[in-house]
């Protein structure tokens, strides 16, 4: 399990992210923000990693995730002496945005507005 934790850190390392930014022709500003766009998780009790990328453009997010996976696999084999890393699933662009959740935000705002308005009315 310790090796999987090492892999999570490696996915977001400067070594991997620099090699991701080059083929995607990212500007220095974009590549500096790359680590904040990427999250890496493991499925419970497995050695499988899930790479998630948050971006305003869903196609670009999928491209970045696939590039990170490819570069990561290459870096692990070359630098960590691991035999082989396989990419099981390619990232696909989502059909709907994952955030913001407009319905939830609207309902929360309406409830907070009612509570605040009612509290203010009672106070006056």
PDB file of N, CA and C in Angstrom:
ATOM      1  N   UNK A   1       0.823  -1.187   0.000  1.00  0.00           N
ATOM      2  CA  UNK A   1       0.000   0.000   0.000  1.00  0.00           C
ATOM      3  C   UNK A   1       0.870   1.254   0.000  1.00  0.00           C
ATOM      4  N   UNK A   2       2.053   1.162   0.601  1.00  0.00           N
ATOM      5  CA  UNK A   2       2.966   2.306   0.635  1.00  0.00           C
ATOM      6  C   UNK A   2       3.351   2.733  -0.778  1.00  0.00           C
ATOM      7  N   UNK A   3       3.543   1.781  -1.673  1.00  0.00           N
ATOM      8  CA  UNK A   3       3.914   2.094  -3.049  1.00  0.00           C
ATOM      9  C   UNK A   3       2.803   2.871  -3.746  1.00  0.00           C
ATOM     10  N   UNK A   4       1.562   2.544  -3.470  1.00  0.00           N
ATOM     11  CA  UNK A   4       0.430   3.256  -4.059  1.00  0.00           C
ATOM     12  C   UNK A   4       0.428   4.706  -3.593  1.00  0.00           C
ATOM     13  N   UNK A   5       0.748   4.943  -2.326  1.00  0.00           N
ATOM     14  CA  UNK A   5       0.844   6.312  -1.822  1.00  0.00           C
ATOM     15  C   UNK A   5       1.956   7.075  -2.526  1.00  0.00           C
ATOM     16  N   UNK A   6       3.075   6.395  -2.782  1.00  0.00           N
ATOM     17  CA  UNK A   6       4.170   7.019  -3.528  1.00  0.00           C
ATOM     18  C   UNK A   6       3.704   7.395  -4.929  1.00  0.00           C
ATOM     19  N   UNK A   7       2.925   6.533  -5.544  1.00  0.00           N
ATOM     20  CA  UNK A   7       2.416   6.795  -6.890  1.00  0.00           C
ATOM     21  C   UNK A   7       1.492   8.016  -6.913  1.00  0.00           C
ATOM     22  N   UNK A   8       0.693   8.172  -5.879  1.00  0.00           N
ATOM     23  CA  UNK A   8      -0.201   9.330  -5.810  1.00  0.00           C
ATOM     24  C   UNK A   8       0.607  10.622  -5.805  1.00  0.00           C
ATOM     25  N   UNK A   9       1.653  10.653  -5.019  1.00  0.00           N
ATOM     26  CA  UNK A   9       2.505  11.837  -4.942  1.00  0.00           C
ATOM     27  C   UNK A   9       3.231  12.049  -6.262  1.00  0.00           C
ATOM     28  N   UNK A  10       3.708  10.983  -6.856  1.00  0.00           N
ATOM     29  CA  UNK A  10       4.442  11.073  -8.117  1.00  0.00           C
ATOM     30  C   UNK A  10       3.574  11.637  -9.241  1.00  0.00           C
ATOM     31  N   UNK A  11       2.289  11.297  -9.257  1.00  0.00           N
ATOM     32  CA  UNK A  11       1.379  11.806 -10.298  1.00  0.00           C
ATOM     33  C   UNK A  11       1.326  13.325 -10.314  1.00  0.00           C
ATOM     34  N   UNK A  12       1.502  13.940  -9.159  1.00  0.00           N
ATOM     35  CA  UNK A  12       1.414  15.394  -9.063  1.00  0.00           C
ATOM     36  C   UNK A  12       2.786  16.050  -8.897  1.00  0.00           C
ATOM     37  N   UNK A  13       3.838  15.286  -9.153  1.00  0.00           N
ATOM     38  CA  UNK A  13       5.188  15.819  -9.002  1.00  0.00           C
ATOM     39  C   UNK A  13       5.548  16.733 -10.164  1.00  0.00           C
ATOM     40  N   UNK A  14       6.542  17.572  -9.934  1.00  0.00           N
ATOM     41  CA  UNK A  14       7.016  18.479 -10.978  1.00  0.00           C
ATOM     42  C   UNK A  14       7.550  17.702 -12.181  1.00  0.00           C
ATOM     43  N   UNK A  15       8.184  16.561 -11.932  1.00  0.00           N
ATOM     44  CA  UNK A  15       8.714  15.732 -13.018  1.00  0.00           C
ATOM     45  C   UNK A  15       7.608  15.316 -13.980  1.00  0.00           C
ATOM     46  N   UNK A  16       6.499  14.835 -13.434  1.00  0.00           N
ATOM     47  CA  UNK A  16       5.379  14.403 -14.277  1.00  0.00           C
ATOM     48  C   UNK A  16       4.693  15.603 -14.919  1.00  0.00           C
ATOM     49  N   UNK A  17       4.394  16.623 -14.132  1.00  0.00           N
ATOM     50  CA  UNK A  17       3.633  17.762 -14.642  1.00  0.00           C
ATOM     51  C   UNK A  17       4.394  18.550 -15.708  1.00  0.00           C
ATOM     52  N   UNK A  18       5.711  18.626 -15.582  1.00  0.00           N
ATOM     53  CA  UNK A  18       6.510  19.287 -16.622  1.00  0.00           C
ATOM     54  C   UNK A  18       6.401  18.526 -17.931  1.00  0.00           C
ATOM     55  N   UNK A  19       6.436  17.210 -17.853  1.00  0.00           N
ATOM     56  CA  UNK A  19       6.324  16.389 -19.054  1.00  0.00           C
ATOM     57  C   UNK A  19       4.901  16.339 -19.597  1.00  0.00           C
ATOM     58  N   UNK A  20       3.925  16.733 -18.801  1.00  0.00           N
ATOM     59  CA  UNK A  20       2.539  16.829 -19.267  1.00  0.00           C
ATOM     60  C   UNK A  20       2.335  18.144 -19.998  1.00  0.00           C
ATOM     61  N   UNK A  21       2.902  19.215 -19.470  1.00  0.00           N
ATOM     62  CA  UNK A  21       2.703  20.555 -20.034  1.00  0.00           C
ATOM     63  C   UNK A  21       3.318  20.695 -21.424  1.00  0.00           C
ATOM     64  N   UNK A  22       4.449  20.037 -21.667  1.00  0.00           N
ATOM     65  CA  UNK A  22       5.147  20.175 -22.952  1.00  0.00           C
ATOM     66  C   UNK A  22       4.305  19.715 -24.150  1.00  0.00           C
ATOM     67  N   UNK A  23       3.810  18.471 -24.184  1.00  0.00           N
ATOM     68  CA  UNK A  23       3.051  18.040 -25.371  1.00  0.00           C
ATOM     69  C   UNK A  23       1.708  18.766 -25.529  1.00  0.00           C
ATOM     70  N   UNK A  24       1.176  19.296 -24.425  1.00  0.00           N
ATOM     71  CA  UNK A  24      -0.096  20.019 -24.497  1.00  0.00           C
ATOM     72  C   UNK A  24       0.103  21.487 -24.833  1.00  0.00           C
ATOM     73  N   UNK A  25       1.382  21.884 -24.988  1.00  0.00           N
ATOM     74  CA  UNK A  25       1.741  23.262 -25.337  1.00  0.00           C
ATOM     75  C   UNK A  25       1.093  24.277 -24.395  1.00  0.00           C
ATOM     76  N   UNK A  26       1.229  24.015 -23.117  1.00  0.00           N
ATOM     77  CA  UNK A  26       0.666  24.902 -22.099  1.00  0.00           C
ATOM     78  C   UNK A  26       1.612  26.065 -21.839  1.00  0.00           C
ATOM     79  N   UNK A  27       1.034  27.222 -21.581  1.00  0.00           N
ATOM     80  CA  UNK A  27       1.840  28.383 -21.221  1.00  0.00           C
ATOM     81  C   UNK A  27       2.412  28.162 -19.827  1.00  0.00           C
ATOM     82  N   UNK A  28       3.453  28.913 -19.460  1.00  0.00           N
ATOM     83  CA  UNK A  28       4.008  28.760 -18.108  1.00  0.00           C
ATOM     84  C   UNK A  28       2.962  28.996 -17.021  1.00  0.00           C
ATOM     85  N   UNK A  29       2.050  29.936 -17.252  1.00  0.00           N
ATOM     86  CA  UNK A  29       1.000  30.220 -16.279  1.00  0.00           C
ATOM     87  C   UNK A  29       0.060  29.023 -16.137  1.00  0.00           C
ATOM     88  N   UNK A  30      -0.321  28.425 -17.266  1.00  0.00           N
ATOM     89  CA  UNK A  30      -1.204  27.249 -17.237  1.00  0.00           C
ATOM     90  C   UNK A  30      -0.517  26.066 -16.561  1.00  0.00           C
ATOM     91  N   UNK A  31       0.751  25.842 -16.889  1.00  0.00           N
ATOM     92  CA  UNK A  31       1.450  24.696 -16.307  1.00  0.00           C
ATOM     93  C   UNK A  31       1.665  24.883 -14.806  1.00  0.00           C
ATOM     94  N   UNK A  32       1.769  26.141 -14.346  1.00  0.00           N
ATOM     95  CA  UNK A  32       1.910  26.393 -12.911  1.00  0.00           C
ATOM     96  C   UNK A  32       0.631  26.020 -12.165  1.00  0.00           C
ATOM     97  N   UNK A  33      -0.513  26.142 -12.821  1.00  0.00           N
ATOM     98  CA  UNK A  33      -1.797  25.821 -12.197  1.00  0.00           C
ATOM     99  C   UNK A  33      -2.174  24.352 -12.339  1.00  0.00           C
ATOM    100  N   UNK A  34      -1.375  23.597 -13.040  1.00  0.00           N
ATOM    101  CA  UNK A  34      -1.703  22.207 -13.354  1.00  0.00           C
ATOM    102  C   UNK A  34      -1.874  21.343 -12.109  1.00  0.00           C
ATOM    103  N   UNK A  35      -1.024  21.490 -11.121  1.00  0.00           N
ATOM    104  CA  UNK A  35      -1.126  20.624  -9.933  1.00  0.00           C
ATOM    105  C   UNK A  35      -2.420  20.867  -9.167  1.00  0.00           C
ATOM    106  N   UNK A  36      -2.943  22.097  -9.211  1.00  0.00           N
ATOM    107  CA  UNK A  36      -4.202  22.388  -8.541  1.00  0.00           C
ATOM    108  C   UNK A  36      -5.410  21.816  -9.265  1.00  0.00           C
ATOM    109  N   UNK A  37      -5.245  21.466 -10.531  1.00  0.00           N
ATOM    110  CA  UNK A  37      -6.338  20.924 -11.330  1.00  0.00           C
ATOM    111  C   UNK A  37      -6.458  19.409 -11.184  1.00  0.00           C
ATOM    112  N   UNK A  38      -5.408  18.784 -10.696  1.00  0.00           N
ATOM    113  CA  UNK A  38      -5.335  17.322 -10.685  1.00  0.00           C
ATOM    114  C   UNK A  38      -5.493  16.781  -9.265  1.00  0.00           C
ATOM    115  N   UNK A  39      -6.334  15.756  -9.134  1.00  0.00           N
ATOM    116  CA  UNK A  39      -6.416  15.023  -7.868  1.00  0.00           C
ATOM    117  C   UNK A  39      -6.258  13.543  -8.186  1.00  0.00           C
ATOM    118  N   UNK A  40      -5.567  12.850  -7.299  1.00  0.00           N
ATOM    119  CA  UNK A  40      -5.294  11.425  -7.496  1.00  0.00           C
ATOM    120  C   UNK A  40      -5.802  10.677  -6.277  1.00  0.00           C
ATOM    121  N   UNK A  41      -6.601   9.659  -6.522  1.00  0.00           N
ATOM    122  CA  UNK A  41      -7.166   8.857  -5.432  1.00  0.00           C
ATOM    123  C   UNK A  41      -6.959   7.371  -5.746  1.00  0.00           C
ATOM    124  N   UNK A  42      -7.025   6.587  -4.689  1.00  0.00           N
ATOM    125  CA  UNK A  42      -6.983   5.140  -4.875  1.00  0.00           C
ATOM    126  C   UNK A  42      -8.358   4.577  -4.557  1.00  0.00           C
ATOM    127  N   UNK A  43      -8.698   3.520  -5.239  1.00  0.00           N
ATOM    128  CA  UNK A  43      -9.898   2.773  -4.877  1.00  0.00           C
ATOM    129  C   UNK A  43      -9.557   1.994  -3.618  1.00  0.00           C
ATOM    130  N   UNK A  44     -10.489   1.901  -2.686  1.00  0.00           N
ATOM    131  CA  UNK A  44     -10.186   1.282  -1.396  1.00  0.00           C
ATOM    132  C   UNK A  44      -9.673  -0.145  -1.566  1.00  0.00           C
ATOM    133  N   UNK A  45      -8.586  -0.409  -0.846  1.00  0.00           N
ATOM    134  CA  UNK A  45      -7.945  -1.730  -0.807  1.00  0.00           C
ATOM    135  C   UNK A  45      -7.513  -2.260  -2.167  1.00  0.00           C
ATOM    136  N   UNK A  46      -7.143  -1.356  -3.091  1.00  0.00           N
ATOM    137  CA  UNK A  46      -6.622  -1.793  -4.387  1.00  0.00           C
ATOM    138  C   UNK A  46      -5.354  -1.015  -4.700  1.00  0.00           C
ATOM    139  N   UNK A  47      -4.723  -1.382  -5.795  1.00  0.00           N
ATOM    140  CA  UNK A  47      -3.552  -0.653  -6.283  1.00  0.00           C
ATOM    141  C   UNK A  47      -3.927   0.245  -7.457  1.00  0.00           C
ATOM    142  N   UNK A  48      -5.200   0.441  -7.687  1.00  0.00           N
ATOM    143  CA  UNK A  48      -5.679   1.243  -8.817  1.00  0.00           C
ATOM    144  C   UNK A  48      -5.752   2.713  -8.432  1.00  0.00           C
ATOM    145  N   UNK A  49      -5.237   3.554  -9.307  1.00  0.00           N
ATOM    146  CA  UNK A  49      -5.300   4.997  -9.104  1.00  0.00           C
ATOM    147  C   UNK A  49      -6.363   5.589 -10.019  1.00  0.00           C
ATOM    148  N   UNK A  50      -7.044   6.609  -9.535  1.00  0.00           N
ATOM    149  CA  UNK A  50      -7.989   7.368 -10.347  1.00  0.00           C
ATOM    150  C   UNK A  50      -7.477   8.796 -10.409  1.00  0.00           C
ATOM    151  N   UNK A  51      -7.269   9.277 -11.622  1.00  0.00           N
ATOM    152  CA  UNK A  51      -6.782  10.639 -11.830  1.00  0.00           C
ATOM    153  C   UNK A  51      -7.956  11.485 -12.279  1.00  0.00           C
ATOM    154  N   UNK A  52      -8.278  12.520 -11.501  1.00  0.00           N
ATOM    155  CA  UNK A  52      -9.354  13.443 -11.850  1.00  0.00           C
ATOM    156  C   UNK A  52      -8.761  14.802 -12.172  1.00  0.00           C
ATOM    157  N   UNK A  53      -9.278  15.434 -13.224  1.00  0.00           N
ATOM    158  CA  UNK A  53      -8.831  16.771 -13.603  1.00  0.00           C
ATOM    159  C   UNK A  53     -10.048  17.677 -13.651  1.00  0.00           C
ATOM    160  N   UNK A  54      -9.941  18.833 -13.005  1.00  0.00           N
ATOM    161  CA  UNK A  54     -11.003  19.823 -13.012  1.00  0.00           C
ATOM    162  C   UNK A  54     -10.579  20.970 -13.915  1.00  0.00           C
ATOM    163  N   UNK A  55     -11.388  21.241 -14.936  1.00  0.00           N
ATOM    164  CA  UNK A  55     -11.087  22.320 -15.881  1.00  0.00           C
ATOM    165  C   UNK A  55     -12.406  22.862 -16.415  1.00  0.00           C
ATOM    166  N   UNK A  56     -12.393  24.074 -16.933  1.00  0.00           N
ATOM    167  CA  UNK A  56     -13.608  24.657 -17.486  1.00  0.00           C
ATOM    168  C   UNK A  56     -14.005  24.002 -18.797  1.00  0.00           C
ATOM    169  N   UNK A  57     -13.049  23.400 -19.480  1.00  0.00           N
ATOM    170  CA  UNK A  57     -13.302  22.722 -20.747  1.00  0.00           C
ATOM    171  C   UNK A  57     -13.232  21.207 -20.515  1.00  0.00           C
ATOM    172  N   UNK A  58     -14.359  20.480 -20.656  1.00  0.00           N
ATOM    173  CA  UNK A  58     -14.348  19.038 -20.356  1.00  0.00           C
ATOM    174  C   UNK A  58     -13.444  18.227 -21.278  1.00  0.00           C
ATOM    175  N   UNK A  59     -13.347  18.604 -22.541  1.00  0.00           N
ATOM    176  CA  UNK A  59     -12.471  17.866 -23.455  1.00  0.00           C
ATOM    177  C   UNK A  59     -11.010  18.042 -23.064  1.00  0.00           C
ATOM    178  N   UNK A  60     -10.677  19.240 -22.673  1.00  0.00           N
ATOM    179  CA  UNK A  60      -9.303  19.522 -22.242  1.00  0.00           C
ATOM    180  C   UNK A  60      -8.998  18.777 -20.939  1.00  0.00           C
ATOM    181  N   UNK A  61      -9.965  18.692 -20.034  1.00  0.00           N
ATOM    182  CA  UNK A  61      -9.770  17.952 -18.778  1.00  0.00           C
ATOM    183  C   UNK A  61      -9.472  16.485 -19.074  1.00  0.00           C
ATOM    184  N   UNK A  62     -10.218  15.894 -19.992  1.00  0.00           N
ATOM    185  CA  UNK A  62      -9.975  14.490 -20.359  1.00  0.00           C
ATOM    186  C   UNK A  62      -8.604  14.325 -20.999  1.00  0.00           C
ATOM    187  N   UNK A  63      -8.210  15.276 -21.852  1.00  0.00           N
ATOM    188  CA  UNK A  63      -6.900  15.218 -22.499  1.00  0.00           C
ATOM    189  C   UNK A  63      -5.780  15.321 -21.462  1.00  0.00           C
ATOM    190  N   UNK A  64      -5.932  16.220 -20.513  1.00  0.00           N
ATOM    191  CA  UNK A  64      -4.920  16.363 -19.463  1.00  0.00           C
ATOM    192  C   UNK A  64      -4.836  15.088 -18.630  1.00  0.00           C
ATOM    193  N   UNK A  65      -5.984  14.517 -18.253  1.00  0.00           N
ATOM    194  CA  UNK A  65      -5.988  13.287 -17.445  1.00  0.00           C
ATOM    195  C   UNK A  65      -5.302  12.140 -18.191  1.00  0.00           C
ATOM    196  N   UNK A  66      -5.597  11.994 -19.465  1.00  0.00           N
ATOM    197  CA  UNK A  66      -4.969  10.926 -20.251  1.00  0.00           C
ATOM    198  C   UNK A  66      -3.468  11.159 -20.406  1.00  0.00           C
ATOM    199  N   UNK A  67      -3.071  12.417 -20.569  1.00  0.00           N
ATOM    200  CA  UNK A  67      -1.647  12.729 -20.697  1.00  0.00           C
ATOM    201  C   UNK A  67      -0.922  12.477 -19.388  1.00  0.00           C
ATOM    202  N   UNK A  68      -1.523  12.857 -18.269  1.00  0.00           N
ATOM    203  CA  UNK A  68      -0.922  12.597 -16.951  1.00  0.00           C
ATOM    204  C   UNK A  68      -0.735  11.096 -16.762  1.00  0.00           C
ATOM    205  N   UNK A  69      -1.745  10.313 -17.102  1.00  0.00           N
ATOM    206  CA  UNK A  69      -1.648   8.855 -16.942  1.00  0.00           C
ATOM    207  C   UNK A  69      -0.512   8.287 -17.789  1.00  0.00           C
ATOM    208  N   UNK A  70      -0.408   8.730 -19.031  1.00  0.00           N
ATOM    209  CA  UNK A  70       0.647   8.230 -19.914  1.00  0.00           C
ATOM    210  C   UNK A  70       2.039   8.610 -19.432  1.00  0.00           C
ATOM    211  N   UNK A  71       2.207   9.866 -19.054  1.00  0.00           N
ATOM    212  CA  UNK A  71       3.509  10.330 -18.562  1.00  0.00           C
ATOM    213  C   UNK A  71       3.852   9.637 -17.251  1.00  0.00           C
ATOM    214  N   UNK A  72       2.875   9.508 -16.363  1.00  0.00           N
ATOM    215  CA  UNK A  72       3.091   8.842 -15.088  1.00  0.00           C
ATOM    216  C   UNK A  72       3.578   7.410 -15.297  1.00  0.00           C
ATOM    217  N   UNK A  73       2.914   6.671 -16.187  1.00  0.00           N
ATOM    218  CA  UNK A  73       3.299   5.280 -16.448  1.00  0.00           C
ATOM    219  C   UNK A  73       4.742   5.201 -16.932  1.00  0.00           C
ATOM    220  N   UNK A  74       5.118   6.120 -17.801  1.00  0.00           N
ATOM    221  CA  UNK A  74       6.482   6.135 -18.330  1.00  0.00           C
ATOM    222  C   UNK A  74       7.497   6.481 -17.237  1.00  0.00           C
ATOM    223  N   UNK A  75       7.187   7.474 -16.412  1.00  0.00           N
ATOM    224  CA  UNK A  75       8.097   7.905 -15.346  1.00  0.00           C
ATOM    225  C   UNK A  75       8.280   6.802 -14.307  1.00  0.00           C
ATOM    226  N   UNK A  76       7.206   6.105 -13.965  1.00  0.00           N
ATOM    227  CA  UNK A  76       7.301   5.034 -12.969  1.00  0.00           C
ATOM    228  C   UNK A  76       8.234   3.936 -13.464  1.00  0.00           C
ATOM    229  N   UNK A  77       8.084   3.530 -14.709  1.00  0.00           N
ATOM    230  CA  UNK A  77       8.923   2.460 -15.253  1.00  0.00           C
ATOM    231  C   UNK A  77      10.376   2.912 -15.321  1.00  0.00           C
ATOM    232  N   UNK A  78      10.612   4.147 -15.798  1.00  0.00           N
ATOM    233  CA  UNK A  78      11.987   4.626 -15.980  1.00  0.00           C
ATOM    234  C   UNK A  78      12.684   4.976 -14.669  1.00  0.00           C
ATOM    235  N   UNK A  79      11.971   5.582 -13.723  1.00  0.00           N
ATOM    236  CA  UNK A  79      12.632   6.125 -12.534  1.00  0.00           C
ATOM    237  C   UNK A  79      12.464   5.302 -11.272  1.00  0.00           C
ATOM    238  N   UNK A  80      11.458   4.458 -11.210  1.00  0.00           N
ATOM    239  CA  UNK A  80      11.238   3.698  -9.988  1.00  0.00           C
ATOM    240  C   UNK A  80      11.548   2.219 -10.152  1.00  0.00           C
ATOM    241  N   UNK A  81      11.948   1.822 -11.347  1.00  0.00           N
ATOM    242  CA  UNK A  81      12.332   0.441 -11.569  1.00  0.00           C
ATOM    243  C   UNK A  81      11.183  -0.547 -11.516  1.00  0.00           C
ATOM    244  N   UNK A  82       9.967  -0.046 -11.676  1.00  0.00           N
ATOM    245  CA  UNK A  82       8.798  -0.918 -11.669  1.00  0.00           C
ATOM    246  C   UNK A  82       8.684  -1.568 -13.039  1.00  0.00           C
ATOM    247  N   UNK A  83       8.256  -2.817 -13.064  1.00  0.00           N
ATOM    248  CA  UNK A  83       8.168  -3.553 -14.312  1.00  0.00           C
ATOM    249  C   UNK A  83       7.235  -2.944 -15.339  1.00  0.00           C
ATOM    250  N   UNK A  84       5.990  -2.682 -14.949  1.00  0.00           N
ATOM    251  CA  UNK A  84       5.046  -2.184 -15.931  1.00  0.00           C
ATOM    252  C   UNK A  84       3.859  -1.542 -15.214  1.00  0.00           C
ATOM    253  N   UNK A  85       3.333  -0.488 -15.834  1.00  0.00           N
ATOM    254  CA  UNK A  85       2.124   0.172 -15.355  1.00  0.00           C
ATOM    255  C   UNK A  85       1.142   0.156 -16.508  1.00  0.00           C
ATOM    256  N   UNK A  86      -0.065  -0.306 -16.252  1.00  0.00           N
ATOM    257  CA  UNK A  86      -1.082  -0.369 -17.300  1.00  0.00           C
ATOM    258  C   UNK A  86      -2.162   0.662 -17.048  1.00  0.00           C
ATOM    259  N   UNK A  87      -2.591   1.298 -18.122  1.00  0.00           N
ATOM    260  CA  UNK A  87      -3.716   2.222 -18.053  1.00  0.00           C
ATOM    261  C   UNK A  87      -4.956   1.417 -18.401  1.00  0.00           C
ATOM    262  N   UNK A  88      -5.873   1.317 -17.456  1.00  0.00           N
ATOM    263  CA  UNK A  88      -7.050   0.476 -17.635  1.00  0.00           C
ATOM    264  C   UNK A  88      -8.133   1.201 -18.421  1.00  0.00           C
ATOM    265  N   UNK A  89      -8.459   2.416 -18.012  1.00  0.00           N
ATOM    266  CA  UNK A  89      -9.508   3.195 -18.675  1.00  0.00           C
ATOM    267  C   UNK A  89      -8.970   4.551 -19.077  1.00  0.00           C
ATOM    268  N   UNK A  90      -9.308   4.977 -20.279  1.00  0.00           N
ATOM    269  CA  UNK A  90      -8.980   6.324 -20.729  1.00  0.00           C
ATOM    270  C   UNK A  90     -10.034   7.287 -20.187  1.00  0.00           C
ATOM    271  N   UNK A  91      -9.628   8.516 -19.933  1.00  0.00           N
ATOM    272  CA  UNK A  91     -10.574   9.537 -19.475  1.00  0.00           C
ATOM    273  C   UNK A  91     -11.467   9.950 -20.633  1.00  0.00           C
ATOM    274  N   UNK A  92     -12.722  10.197 -20.321  1.00  0.00           N
ATOM    275  CA  UNK A  92     -13.667  10.721 -21.310  1.00  0.00           C
ATOM    276  C   UNK A  92     -14.269  12.005 -20.759  1.00  0.00           C
ATOM    277  N   UNK A  93     -14.575  12.916 -21.656  1.00  0.00           N
ATOM    278  CA  UNK A  93     -15.152  14.196 -21.244  1.00  0.00           C
ATOM    279  C   UNK A  93     -16.567  13.967 -20.720  1.00  0.00           C
ATOM    280  N   UNK A  94     -16.902  14.550 -19.571  1.00  0.00           N
ATOM    281  CA  UNK A  94     -18.256  14.393 -19.039  1.00  0.00           C
ATOM    282  C   UNK A  94     -19.268  15.161 -19.883  1.00  0.00           C
ATOM    283  N   UNK A  95     -20.506  14.698 -19.860  1.00  0.00           N
ATOM    284  CA  UNK A  95     -21.558  15.365 -20.622  1.00  0.00           C
ATOM    285  C   UNK A  95     -22.082  16.592 -19.890  1.00  0.00           C
ATOM    286  N   UNK A  96     -22.029  16.563 -18.558  1.00  0.00           N
ATOM    287  CA  UNK A  96     -22.511  17.684 -17.752  1.00  0.00           C
ATOM    288  C   UNK A  96     -21.392  18.159 -16.841  1.00  0.00           C
ATOM    289  N   UNK A  97     -21.401  19.437 -16.477  1.00  0.00           N
ATOM    290  CA  UNK A  97     -20.382  19.922 -15.540  1.00  0.00           C
ATOM    291  C   UNK A  97     -20.554  19.281 -14.165  1.00  0.00           C
ATOM    292  N   UNK A  98     -19.449  19.019 -13.512  1.00  0.00           N
ATOM    293  CA  UNK A  98     -19.515  18.434 -12.164  1.00  0.00           C
ATOM    294  C   UNK A  98     -19.758  19.505 -11.108  1.00  0.00           C
ATOM    295  N   UNK A  99     -19.462  20.734 -11.434  1.00  0.00           N
ATOM    296  CA  UNK A  99     -19.726  21.845 -10.521  1.00  0.00           C
ATOM    297  C   UNK A  99     -19.836  23.126 -11.330  1.00  0.00           C
ATOM    298  N   UNK A 100     -20.480  24.130 -10.903  1.00  0.00           N
ATOM    299  CA  UNK A 100     -21.248  24.207  -9.676  1.00  0.00           C
ATOM    300  C   UNK A 100     -22.588  23.496  -9.813  1.00  0.00           C
ATOM    301  N   UNK A 101     -23.135  23.055  -8.715  1.00  0.00           N
ATOM    302  CA  UNK A 101     -24.434  22.401  -8.692  1.00  0.00           C
ATOM    303  C   UNK A 101     -25.483  23.508  -8.522  1.00  0.00           C
ATOM    304  N   UNK A 102     -26.052  23.934  -9.644  1.00  0.00           N
ATOM    305  CA  UNK A 102     -26.943  25.095  -9.647  1.00  0.00           C
ATOM    306  C   UNK A 102     -28.178  24.861  -8.787  1.00  0.00           C
ATOM    307  N   UNK A 103     -28.798  23.702  -8.878  1.00  0.00           N
ATOM    308  CA  UNK A 103     -30.007  23.427  -8.085  1.00  0.00           C
ATOM    309  C   UNK A 103     -29.721  23.507  -6.592  1.00  0.00           C
ATOM    310  N   UNK A 104     -28.645  22.849  -6.166  1.00  0.00           N
ATOM    311  CA  UNK A 104     -28.299  22.861  -4.748  1.00  0.00           C
ATOM    312  C   UNK A 104     -27.977  24.273  -4.274  1.00  0.00           C
ATOM    313  N   UNK A 105     -27.230  25.016  -5.064  1.00  0.00           N
ATOM    314  CA  UNK A 105     -26.878  26.385  -4.682  1.00  0.00           C
ATOM    315  C   UNK A 105     -28.106  27.280  -4.611  1.00  0.00           C
ATOM    316  N   UNK A 106     -29.049  27.095  -5.533  1.00  0.00           N
ATOM    317  CA  UNK A 106     -30.271  27.893  -5.542  1.00  0.00           C
ATOM    318  C   UNK A 106     -31.123  27.608  -4.302  1.00  0.00           C
ATOM    319  N   UNK A 107     -31.295  26.335  -3.984  1.00  0.00           N
ATOM    320  CA  UNK A 107     -32.084  25.956  -2.811  1.00  0.00           C
ATOM    321  C   UNK A 107     -31.408  26.448  -1.532  1.00  0.00           C
ATOM    322  N   UNK A 108     -30.088  26.278  -1.433  1.00  0.00           N
ATOM    323  CA  UNK A 108     -29.352  26.743  -0.250  1.00  0.00           C
ATOM    324  C   UNK A 108     -29.474  28.254  -0.098  1.00  0.00           C
ATOM    325  N   UNK A 109     -29.342  28.970  -1.189  1.00  0.00           N
ATOM    326  CA  UNK A 109     -29.457  30.427  -1.146  1.00  0.00           C
ATOM    327  C   UNK A 109     -30.841  30.879  -0.721  1.00  0.00           C
ATOM    328  N   UNK A 110     -31.868  30.216  -1.246  1.00  0.00           N
ATOM    329  CA  UNK A 110     -33.244  30.571  -0.887  1.00  0.00           C
ATOM    330  C   UNK A 110     -33.489  30.310   0.599  1.00  0.00           C
ATOM    331  N   UNK A 111     -33.035  29.157   1.103  1.00  0.00           N
ATOM    332  CA  UNK A 111     -33.219  28.849   2.527  1.00  0.00           C
ATOM    333  C   UNK A 111     -32.463  29.824   3.426  1.00  0.00           C
ATOM    334  N   UNK A 112     -31.230  30.120   3.058  1.00  0.00           N
ATOM    335  CA  UNK A 112     -30.461  31.076   3.852  1.00  0.00           C
ATOM    336  C   UNK A 112     -31.101  32.458   3.813  1.00  0.00           C
ATOM    337  N   UNK A 113     -31.626  32.853   2.658  1.00  0.00           N
ATOM    338  CA  UNK A 113     -32.308  34.133   2.534  1.00  0.00           C
ATOM    339  C   UNK A 113     -33.546  34.204   3.406  1.00  0.00           C
ATOM    340  N   UNK A 114     -34.328  33.121   3.412  1.00  0.00           N
ATOM    341  CA  UNK A 114     -35.525  33.081   4.258  1.00  0.00           C
ATOM    342  C   UNK A 114     -35.162  33.128   5.741  1.00  0.00           C
ATOM    343  N   UNK A 115     -34.150  32.345   6.130  1.00  0.00           N
ATOM    344  CA  UNK A 115     -33.706  32.344   7.523  1.00  0.00           C
ATOM    345  C   UNK A 115     -33.181  33.719   7.945  1.00  0.00           C
ATOM    346  N   UNK A 116     -32.379  34.315   7.087  1.00  0.00           N
ATOM    347  CA  UNK A 116     -31.828  35.628   7.395  1.00  0.00           C
ATOM    348  C   UNK A 116     -32.942  36.670   7.466  1.00  0.00           C
ATOM    349  N   UNK A 117     -33.862  36.629   6.510  1.00  0.00           N
ATOM    350  CA  UNK A 117     -34.979  37.564   6.494  1.00  0.00           C
ATOM    351  C   UNK A 117     -35.879  37.396   7.722  1.00  0.00           C
ATOM    352  N   UNK A 118     -36.180  36.155   8.059  1.00  0.00           N
ATOM    353  CA  UNK A 118     -37.006  35.879   9.240  1.00  0.00           C
ATOM    354  C   UNK A 118     -36.304  36.311  10.517  1.00  0.00           C
ATOM    355  N   UNK A 119     -35.028  36.050  10.614  1.00  0.00           N
ATOM    356  CA  UNK A 119     -34.248  36.457  11.793  1.00  0.00           C
ATOM    357  C   UNK A 119     -34.198  37.952  11.919  1.00  0.00           C
ATOM    358  N   UNK A 120     -34.016  38.639  10.790  1.00  0.00           N
ATOM    359  CA  UNK A 120     -33.975  40.089  10.797  1.00  0.00           C
ATOM    360  C   UNK A 120     -35.324  40.674  11.194  1.00  0.00           C
ATOM    361  N   UNK A 121     -36.415  40.062  10.713  1.00  0.00           N
ATOM    362  CA  UNK A 121     -37.771  40.516  11.061  1.00  0.00           C
ATOM    363  C   UNK A 121     -38.026  40.342  12.554  1.00  0.00           C
ATOM    364  N   UNK A 122     -37.595  39.228  13.122  1.00  0.00           N
ATOM    365  CA  UNK A 122     -37.770  39.001  14.560  1.00  0.00           C
ATOM    366  C   UNK A 122     -36.931  39.971  15.376  1.00  0.00           C
ATOM    367  N   UNK A 123     -35.750  40.271  14.894  1.00  0.00           N
ATOM    368  CA  UNK A 123     -34.861  41.192  15.590  1.00  0.00           C
ATOM    369  C   UNK A 123     -35.448  42.597  15.635  1.00  0.00           C
ATOM    370  N   UNK A 124     -36.050  43.007  14.517  1.00  0.00           N
ATOM    371  CA  UNK A 124     -36.651  44.357  14.443  1.00  0.00           C
ATOM    372  C   UNK A 124     -37.909  44.380  15.274  1.00  0.00           C
TER     373      UNK A 124
END
